Amino acid sequence: MTSEIIFGEPHFDEEEEDRVLAVLRSGWIGQGPVVEEFERDLARYVGSRHAVAVSSCTAALELSLLAAGVGPGDEVITTALTFVATVNAIERVGAVPVLADIDALTLNLDVGDVEMSMTSRTRAVLPVHFGGLPADLASLDELTDRTGAFLIEDAAHAIGAISGGIRVGVPRSERNFICFSFYPNKNLASAEGGAIMSPTREITDRLHRLRLHGLDKDAWRRFSHVGEAVTLASEIGLKANWTDLQAAIAIAQLEKLEGFLAIREHIADLYDALIGVQVDGVALRSRPKAGLEARHALHLYQVRIEGGRERRDEILQRMRGAGVGVALHYLTIPEHPAFVGRWDRSFPHASRAADELLSLPIHPGMGDRDVERVVEVLFEAASAFTG
């Protein structure tokens, strides 16, 4: 076996170490001034006014749904091709997830199918910016404006992405929330974490309460402000706050994010060039050229393996056996045991994508030789399969 090429690996250096050490030495490691600093920095980077840091993107989705008033009896339309957390958040607030199919080219929600799936009970639409490619936000904005539904974006893959000249993360109405992830393999990595880009000051204040038991002030404010020792629960909330330790890592990562994105774009361009020349039976996926109007965040670099799931899975196992950390994103939601039999329709584009997609390693720690090695192993695995 050759040395392993990791699928997704965070890139840290002395800056993250120094910031974490400073937090440890400060004596305050929970939610406090460093979380607030990160929220300001993130809002400035995105170009938004309000950011609320939370414990995960899953928590961000759940809190956004709660802040939108989504609950029992409501329907939320989302994609059939996503990580289970997207649907779990809908279930957790007591709403009914309604699945729609994807566009075969972009892998994002098919807006026409969303519209056909809407009923009088539709309270929100929850698109996923799949792999880092923004969904069709212009069409989704028009649809949700017309119907009065909330638009809650799962942007776990998409920090740094641009759609219509605007960074993903800028709320475009008072019914629009955007949720980011800072999981260790994401473009901006921390130990864990997420954030909600909130549309108004009023909603932001409520999200601050909801992320910490519904309390009107957190521990940092209680202990750092004279006369604020009493804490009152004004509503029922979650335990979904973040910590200064995690925020310290994320601040350093945010400063490097544009550089990380440039590396991802270079890796993707090199994959395109090498795979397009060398590998039969493996189809490239199109993406917009990075610029001021559009940008794919490239959390995932995926190819389609022609021949279906059996061939794709065999290639995956051969590549892992050769030390290359490839991955699958994702099964369709109805394939999971927890959701079998829940929907009485098919999702042909999502099903085909789940059968054919293979995710290749892409992260800032990779060099050109790593990319060349991945393609060599892909070529060998694709050529060896005889099924």
Protein backbone atom coordinates (compact mmCIF):
# COMPACT_ATOMS: atom_id res chain seq x y z
CA MET A 1 0.00 0.00 0.00
CA THR A 2 1.23 3.51 -0.77
CA SER A 3 1.05 6.28 1.82
CA GLU A 4 -2.55 7.26 2.46
CA ILE A 5 -4.17 10.31 0.90
CA ILE A 6 -6.81 11.51 3.35
CA PHE A 7 -10.26 12.36 1.97
CA GLY A 8 -10.75 15.54 3.99
CA GLU A 9 -8.22 16.98 6.40
CA PRO A 10 -8.18 20.32 8.25
CA HIS A 11 -5.11 22.50 7.78
CA PHE A 12 -3.88 24.12 11.00
CA ASP A 13 -0.64 25.89 11.89
CA GLU A 14 0.83 28.09 14.62
CA GLU A 15 -1.90 30.69 14.28
CA GLU A 16 -4.63 28.30 15.44
CA GLU A 17 -2.34 26.99 18.18
CA ASP A 18 -1.55 30.50 19.44
CA ARG A 19 -5.20 31.53 19.48
CA VAL A 20 -6.29 28.40 21.35
CA LEU A 21 -3.46 28.83 23.84
CA ALA A 22 -4.53 32.42 24.44
CA VAL A 23 -8.06 31.25 25.24
CA LEU A 24 -6.76 28.58 27.61
CA ARG A 25 -4.60 31.13 29.40
CA SER A 26 -7.49 33.59 29.64
CA GLY A 27 -9.35 31.33 32.06
CA TRP A 28 -12.56 31.54 30.01
CA ILE A 29 -13.09 28.70 27.53
CA GLY A 30 -16.89 28.65 27.17
CA GLN A 31 -19.06 30.95 25.10
CA GLY A 32 -17.70 34.46 25.49
CA PRO A 33 -15.82 37.28 23.79
CA VAL A 34 -14.05 35.09 21.22
CA VAL A 35 -17.36 33.69 19.97
CA GLU A 36 -18.62 37.26 19.64
CA GLU A 37 -15.44 38.22 17.73
CA PHE A 38 -15.96 35.34 15.32
CA GLU A 39 -19.60 36.29 14.75
CA ARG A 40 -18.52 39.82 13.80
CA ASP A 41 -15.74 38.53 11.52
CA LEU A 42 -18.04 36.03 9.80
CA ALA A 43 -20.75 38.64 9.20
CA ARG A 44 -18.13 40.99 7.74
CA TYR A 45 -16.72 38.28 5.45
CA VAL A 46 -20.11 37.22 4.14
CA GLY A 47 -21.40 40.77 3.83
CA SER A 48 -24.29 40.26 6.22
CA ARG A 49 -25.33 42.10 9.36
CA HIS A 50 -26.06 39.25 11.76
CA ALA A 51 -24.31 35.96 12.53
CA VAL A 52 -25.18 33.60 15.38
CA ALA A 53 -22.59 30.92 16.19
CA VAL A 54 -23.95 27.58 17.39
CA SER A 55 -22.77 24.06 18.15
CA SER A 56 -23.30 22.56 14.66
CA CYS A 57 -25.00 23.15 11.34
CA THR A 58 -27.65 20.64 12.41
CA ALA A 59 -28.40 22.82 15.42
CA ALA A 60 -28.40 25.87 13.12
CA LEU A 61 -31.07 24.28 10.94
CA GLU A 62 -33.22 23.31 13.92
CA LEU A 63 -32.91 26.74 15.51
CA SER A 64 -33.75 28.46 12.21
CA LEU A 65 -36.86 26.33 11.85
CA LEU A 66 -37.90 27.19 15.40
CA ALA A 67 -37.28 30.90 14.83
CA ALA A 68 -39.41 30.68 11.68
CA GLY A 69 -42.25 29.23 13.74
CA VAL A 70 -42.13 25.84 12.00
CA GLY A 71 -43.69 23.09 14.09
CA PRO A 72 -46.19 20.24 14.23
CA GLY A 73 -48.56 20.16 11.28
CA ASP A 74 -46.22 22.16 9.04
CA GLU A 75 -44.48 20.80 5.96
CA VAL A 76 -40.90 21.59 4.95
CA ILE A 77 -39.74 20.73 1.43
CA THR A 78 -36.15 19.58 1.04
CA THR A 79 -33.99 17.46 -1.23
CA ALA A 80 -34.01 13.68 -1.49
CA LEU A 81 -30.20 13.73 -1.87
CA THR A 82 -28.62 15.06 1.30
CA PHE A 83 -27.06 14.06 4.60
CA VAL A 84 -29.64 12.84 7.11
CA ALA A 85 -29.07 15.87 9.36
CA THR A 86 -31.12 18.02 6.98
CA VAL A 87 -34.20 15.86 7.47
CA ASN A 88 -33.48 15.18 11.14
CA ALA A 89 -33.70 18.90 11.91
CA ILE A 90 -37.15 19.06 10.31
CA GLU A 91 -38.29 16.02 12.29
CA ARG A 92 -36.89 17.44 15.54
CA VAL A 93 -39.22 20.46 15.41
CA GLY A 94 -42.20 18.18 14.76
CA ALA A 95 -42.70 19.18 11.13
CA VAL A 96 -43.17 16.86 8.15
CA PRO A 97 -40.29 16.57 5.66
CA VAL A 98 -41.52 16.57 2.07
CA LEU A 99 -38.88 15.39 -0.39
CA ALA A 100 -38.38 16.78 -3.87
CA ASP A 101 -36.10 15.52 -6.61
CA ILE A 102 -32.91 17.20 -7.77
CA ASP A 103 -31.79 18.75 -11.02
CA ALA A 104 -29.74 16.10 -12.83
CA LEU A 105 -26.96 18.54 -13.74
CA THR A 106 -26.51 20.63 -10.57
CA LEU A 107 -27.65 18.02 -7.98
CA ASN A 108 -29.54 20.84 -6.25
CA LEU A 109 -33.29 21.02 -5.66
CA ASP A 110 -35.42 21.00 -8.79
CA VAL A 111 -37.45 24.17 -8.24
CA GLY A 112 -40.25 22.93 -10.49
CA ASP A 113 -40.60 19.80 -8.37
CA VAL A 114 -40.56 21.95 -5.24
CA GLU A 115 -43.45 24.02 -6.57
CA MET A 116 -45.47 20.92 -7.46
CA SER A 117 -44.85 19.57 -3.94
CA MET A 118 -46.18 22.65 -2.17
CA THR A 119 -49.48 22.54 -0.30
CA SER A 120 -51.38 24.84 2.04
CA ARG A 121 -49.28 23.33 4.86
CA THR A 122 -45.90 24.23 3.34
CA ARG A 123 -44.18 26.49 5.85
CA ALA A 124 -40.59 26.41 4.55
CA VAL A 125 -38.32 25.28 1.74
CA LEU A 126 -34.92 23.95 2.78
CA PRO A 127 -32.45 23.69 -0.13
CA VAL A 128 -28.95 22.21 0.21
CA HIS A 129 -26.10 23.87 -1.68
CA PHE A 130 -24.83 20.47 -2.74
CA GLY A 131 -21.06 20.05 -2.68
CA GLY A 132 -20.66 23.83 -2.50
CA LEU A 133 -22.61 24.75 -5.65
CA PRO A 134 -25.32 27.30 -4.80
CA ALA A 135 -28.88 26.26 -5.46
CA ASP A 136 -31.07 28.26 -7.85
CA LEU A 137 -31.64 31.03 -5.32
CA ALA A 138 -33.26 33.45 -7.76
CA SER A 139 -36.03 30.95 -8.55
CA LEU A 140 -36.37 29.86 -4.93
CA ASP A 141 -36.63 33.50 -3.83
CA GLU A 142 -39.40 34.11 -6.33
CA LEU A 143 -41.26 30.99 -5.28
CA THR A 144 -41.04 31.60 -1.53
CA ASP A 145 -41.86 35.31 -1.92
CA ARG A 146 -44.96 34.37 -3.89
CA THR A 147 -46.12 31.70 -1.43
CA GLY A 148 -44.97 33.26 1.84
CA ALA A 149 -42.81 30.25 2.75
CA PHE A 150 -39.55 30.65 4.64
CA LEU A 151 -36.31 29.86 2.81
CA ILE A 152 -33.82 28.12 5.12
CA GLU A 153 -30.59 27.29 3.31
CA ASP A 154 -28.42 24.33 4.31
CA ALA A 155 -25.07 25.88 3.36
CA ALA A 156 -22.94 23.32 5.22
CA HIS A 157 -20.87 22.83 2.05
CA ALA A 158 -21.00 26.38 0.75
CA ILE A 159 -19.09 28.94 2.78
CA GLY A 160 -17.29 31.13 0.26
CA ALA A 161 -19.69 30.31 -2.57
CA ILE A 162 -21.18 33.12 -4.69
CA SER A 163 -24.55 33.26 -6.43
CA GLY A 164 -25.66 36.16 -8.58
CA GLY A 165 -22.76 38.29 -7.41
CA ILE A 166 -23.68 37.82 -3.73
CA ARG A 167 -21.94 35.53 -1.26
CA VAL A 168 -24.00 32.65 0.06
CA GLY A 169 -24.91 33.77 3.56
CA VAL A 170 -26.55 37.13 2.88
CA PRO A 171 -30.26 36.96 3.83
CA ARG A 172 -32.34 38.33 0.98
CA SER A 173 -35.58 38.76 2.95
CA GLU A 174 -36.86 38.58 6.51
CA ARG A 175 -37.90 34.97 5.82
CA ASN A 176 -34.41 33.81 4.78
CA PHE A 177 -31.91 31.99 7.05
CA ILE A 178 -28.55 30.52 5.97
CA CYS A 179 -26.78 27.80 7.97
CA PHE A 180 -23.05 27.03 7.85
CA SER A 181 -20.97 24.13 9.19
CA PHE A 182 -17.49 24.20 10.72
CA TYR A 183 -17.11 20.43 11.05
CA PRO A 184 -13.44 19.29 10.82
CA ASN A 185 -13.61 18.37 7.11
CA LYS A 186 -15.38 21.56 5.98
CA ASN A 187 -13.81 24.46 4.07
CA LEU A 188 -13.62 26.38 7.34
CA ALA A 189 -12.83 23.82 10.02
CA SER A 190 -13.05 23.84 13.78
CA ALA A 191 -13.49 21.05 16.33
CA GLU A 192 -17.23 21.40 15.66
CA GLY A 193 -19.65 24.23 15.14
CA GLY A 194 -22.01 26.08 12.88
CA ALA A 195 -23.59 29.46 12.34
CA ILE A 196 -26.86 31.05 11.32
CA MET A 197 -26.90 34.13 9.14
CA SER A 198 -29.99 35.84 10.50
CA PRO A 199 -32.14 38.35 8.61
CA THR A 200 -32.99 40.85 11.39
CA ARG A 201 -31.79 42.11 14.77
CA GLU A 202 -35.01 40.90 16.40
CA ILE A 203 -34.60 37.37 15.06
CA THR A 204 -30.91 37.40 16.00
CA ASP A 205 -31.78 38.27 19.60
CA ARG A 206 -34.25 35.40 19.69
CA LEU A 207 -31.69 32.98 18.23
CA HIS A 208 -29.27 34.04 20.99
CA ARG A 209 -31.88 32.96 23.52
CA LEU A 210 -32.90 29.78 21.70
CA ARG A 211 -29.31 28.50 21.41
CA LEU A 212 -28.96 28.50 25.23
CA HIS A 213 -32.06 27.14 26.96
CA GLY A 214 -34.14 30.22 26.14
CA LEU A 215 -32.18 32.26 28.70
CA ASP A 216 -32.08 36.02 28.39
CA LYS A 217 -28.32 36.17 28.94
CA ASP A 218 -25.41 33.73 28.75
CA ALA A 219 -22.75 32.98 31.39
CA TRP A 220 -20.24 35.43 29.93
CA ARG A 221 -22.70 38.31 30.18
CA ARG A 222 -23.74 37.28 33.71
CA PHE A 223 -20.19 37.25 35.00
CA SER A 224 -18.73 40.13 32.98
CA HIS A 225 -21.46 42.76 33.44
CA VAL A 226 -22.26 44.26 36.83
CA GLY A 227 -25.89 43.93 37.81
CA GLU A 228 -26.72 41.07 35.38
CA ALA A 229 -26.46 38.11 37.74
CA VAL A 230 -30.09 36.99 37.38
CA THR A 231 -30.94 34.83 34.38
CA LEU A 232 -34.50 34.24 33.21
CA ALA A 233 -35.82 31.70 30.73
CA SER A 234 -38.20 33.55 28.44
CA GLU A 235 -38.99 30.48 26.29
CA ILE A 236 -37.97 26.86 25.77
CA GLY A 237 -34.65 26.61 23.96
CA LEU A 238 -31.88 24.18 23.12
CA LYS A 239 -28.37 23.61 24.45
CA ALA A 240 -26.64 24.58 21.23
CA ASN A 241 -24.16 27.30 22.13
CA TRP A 242 -20.54 27.37 20.97
CA THR A 243 -17.27 27.89 22.87
CA ASP A 244 -14.37 30.32 22.76
CA LEU A 245 -11.99 27.39 22.25
CA GLN A 246 -13.73 26.41 19.02
CA ALA A 247 -14.15 30.01 17.91
CA ALA A 248 -10.43 30.64 18.34
CA ILE A 249 -9.69 27.95 15.75
CA ALA A 250 -12.42 29.26 13.44
CA ILE A 251 -11.16 32.88 13.52
CA ALA A 252 -7.77 31.75 12.23
CA GLN A 253 -9.44 29.54 9.63
CA LEU A 254 -11.65 32.39 8.41
CA GLU A 255 -8.57 34.55 7.83
CA LYS A 256 -7.19 31.80 5.56
CA LEU A 257 -10.45 30.85 3.86
CA GLU A 258 -9.87 32.65 0.56
CA GLY A 259 -6.49 30.97 0.26
CA PHE A 260 -8.04 27.60 1.02
CA LEU A 261 -10.68 28.17 -1.66
CA ALA A 262 -8.00 29.07 -4.21
CA ILE A 263 -6.20 25.79 -3.44
CA ARG A 264 -9.43 23.84 -3.86
CA GLU A 265 -10.02 25.53 -7.21
CA HIS A 266 -6.50 24.62 -8.34
CA ILE A 267 -6.98 20.99 -7.28
CA ALA A 268 -10.35 20.81 -9.06
CA ASP A 269 -8.87 22.26 -12.26
CA LEU A 270 -6.03 19.72 -12.14
CA TYR A 271 -8.49 16.86 -11.59
CA ASP A 272 -10.52 18.08 -14.56
CA ALA A 273 -7.48 18.12 -16.82
CA LEU A 274 -6.13 14.72 -15.76
CA ILE A 275 -9.39 12.79 -15.55
CA GLY A 276 -10.68 14.19 -18.82
CA VAL A 277 -7.60 12.85 -20.59
CA GLN A 278 -6.91 9.56 -18.80
CA VAL A 279 -10.00 7.87 -17.42
CA ASP A 280 -12.71 6.19 -19.51
CA GLY A 281 -16.12 5.56 -17.96
CA VAL A 282 -15.71 8.43 -15.51
CA ALA A 283 -17.64 11.63 -16.27
CA LEU A 284 -16.68 15.06 -15.02
CA ARG A 285 -19.27 17.34 -13.45
CA SER A 286 -19.59 20.87 -14.77
CA ARG A 287 -19.28 23.90 -12.51
CA PRO A 288 -19.26 27.67 -12.99
CA LYS A 289 -15.93 29.37 -13.53
CA ALA A 290 -15.01 31.15 -10.30
CA GLY A 291 -15.57 34.89 -10.48
CA LEU A 292 -17.45 37.84 -9.06
CA GLU A 293 -20.85 36.55 -10.22
CA ALA A 294 -20.60 32.84 -9.40
CA ARG A 295 -18.38 30.55 -7.38
CA HIS A 296 -18.53 26.89 -6.41
CA ALA A 297 -17.15 26.48 -2.89
CA LEU A 298 -15.78 23.02 -3.84
CA HIS A 299 -16.33 21.36 -0.52
CA LEU A 300 -16.77 18.24 -2.66
CA TYR A 301 -15.12 17.27 -5.92
CA GLN A 302 -17.22 14.53 -7.45
CA VAL A 303 -17.21 12.42 -10.61
CA ARG A 304 -19.91 10.19 -12.04
CA ILE A 305 -18.95 6.55 -12.45
CA GLU A 306 -20.69 5.21 -15.53
CA GLY A 307 -22.17 1.75 -15.06
CA GLY A 308 -24.06 2.26 -11.82
CA ARG A 309 -23.66 1.50 -8.14
CA GLU A 310 -21.94 -1.90 -8.44
CA ARG A 311 -19.12 -0.48 -10.56
CA ARG A 312 -18.88 2.69 -8.41
CA ASP A 313 -18.68 0.71 -5.17
CA GLU A 314 -16.05 -1.65 -6.57
CA ILE A 315 -13.93 1.30 -7.69
CA LEU A 316 -14.33 2.89 -4.27
CA GLN A 317 -13.10 -0.24 -2.50
CA ARG A 318 -10.14 -0.63 -4.85
CA MET A 319 -9.12 2.98 -4.35
CA ARG A 320 -9.39 2.76 -0.57
CA GLY A 321 -7.33 -0.41 -0.68
CA ALA A 322 -4.65 1.56 -2.54
CA GLY A 323 -4.54 4.22 0.16
CA VAL A 324 -6.77 6.86 -1.42
CA GLY A 325 -9.59 8.10 0.80
CA VAL A 326 -12.55 8.40 -1.54
CA ALA A 327 -16.10 8.76 -0.19
CA LEU A 328 -19.82 8.64 -1.03
CA HIS A 329 -22.19 11.64 -0.83
CA TYR A 330 -24.95 10.43 -0.35
CA LEU A 331 -27.56 7.74 -0.23
CA THR A 332 -31.00 9.12 -0.94
CA ILE A 333 -32.97 9.81 2.23
CA PRO A 334 -35.55 7.01 1.60
CA GLU A 335 -32.73 4.43 1.53
CA HIS A 336 -31.95 4.91 5.23
CA PRO A 337 -33.67 2.42 7.56
CA ALA A 338 -35.13 5.24 9.66
CA PHE A 339 -36.98 6.59 6.62
CA VAL A 340 -37.88 3.53 4.57
CA GLY A 341 -41.48 3.63 3.34
CA ARG A 342 -42.08 7.25 4.33
CA TRP A 343 -42.62 8.59 0.79
CA ASP A 344 -44.85 7.06 -1.88
CA ARG A 345 -43.00 8.49 -4.88
CA SER A 346 -39.65 8.00 -6.61
CA PHE A 347 -36.80 10.46 -7.06
CA PRO A 348 -35.11 9.30 -10.26
CA HIS A 349 -32.44 11.98 -10.54
CA ALA A 350 -31.48 11.69 -6.87
CA SER A 351 -31.41 7.88 -7.14
CA ARG A 352 -29.16 7.97 -10.18
CA ALA A 353 -26.78 10.38 -8.47
CA ALA A 354 -26.66 8.15 -5.39
CA ASP A 355 -25.73 5.23 -7.65
CA GLU A 356 -23.01 7.00 -9.62
CA LEU A 357 -21.31 9.76 -7.61
CA LEU A 358 -17.83 9.27 -6.18
CA SER A 359 -16.16 12.00 -4.09
CA LEU A 360 -12.40 12.41 -4.52
CA PRO A 361 -10.04 13.89 -1.91
CA ILE A 362 -9.82 17.67 -1.94
CA HIS A 363 -8.29 19.75 0.85
CA PRO A 364 -5.58 22.39 1.33
CA GLY A 365 -2.98 19.84 2.46
CA MET A 366 -2.87 18.20 -0.98
CA GLY A 367 -0.15 18.91 -3.52
CA ASP A 368 -0.12 18.31 -7.27
CA ARG A 369 1.54 14.93 -6.83
CA ASP A 370 -1.28 13.83 -4.51
CA VAL A 371 -3.84 14.76 -7.16
CA GLU A 372 -1.87 12.88 -9.80
CA ARG A 373 -1.73 9.83 -7.52
CA VAL A 374 -5.52 9.93 -6.96
CA VAL A 375 -6.10 9.99 -10.71
CA GLU A 376 -3.60 7.16 -11.30
CA VAL A 377 -5.42 4.99 -8.75
CA LEU A 378 -8.81 5.96 -10.20
CA PHE A 379 -7.60 4.96 -13.64
CA GLU A 380 -6.28 1.62 -12.34
CA ALA A 381 -9.48 0.88 -10.41
CA ALA A 382 -11.76 1.85 -13.30
CA SER A 383 -9.74 -0.24 -15.74
CA ALA A 384 -9.67 -3.29 -13.47
CA PHE A 385 -13.43 -3.51 -12.94
CA THR A 386 -15.03 -6.11 -15.21
CA GLY A 387 -18.52 -6.33 -13.70
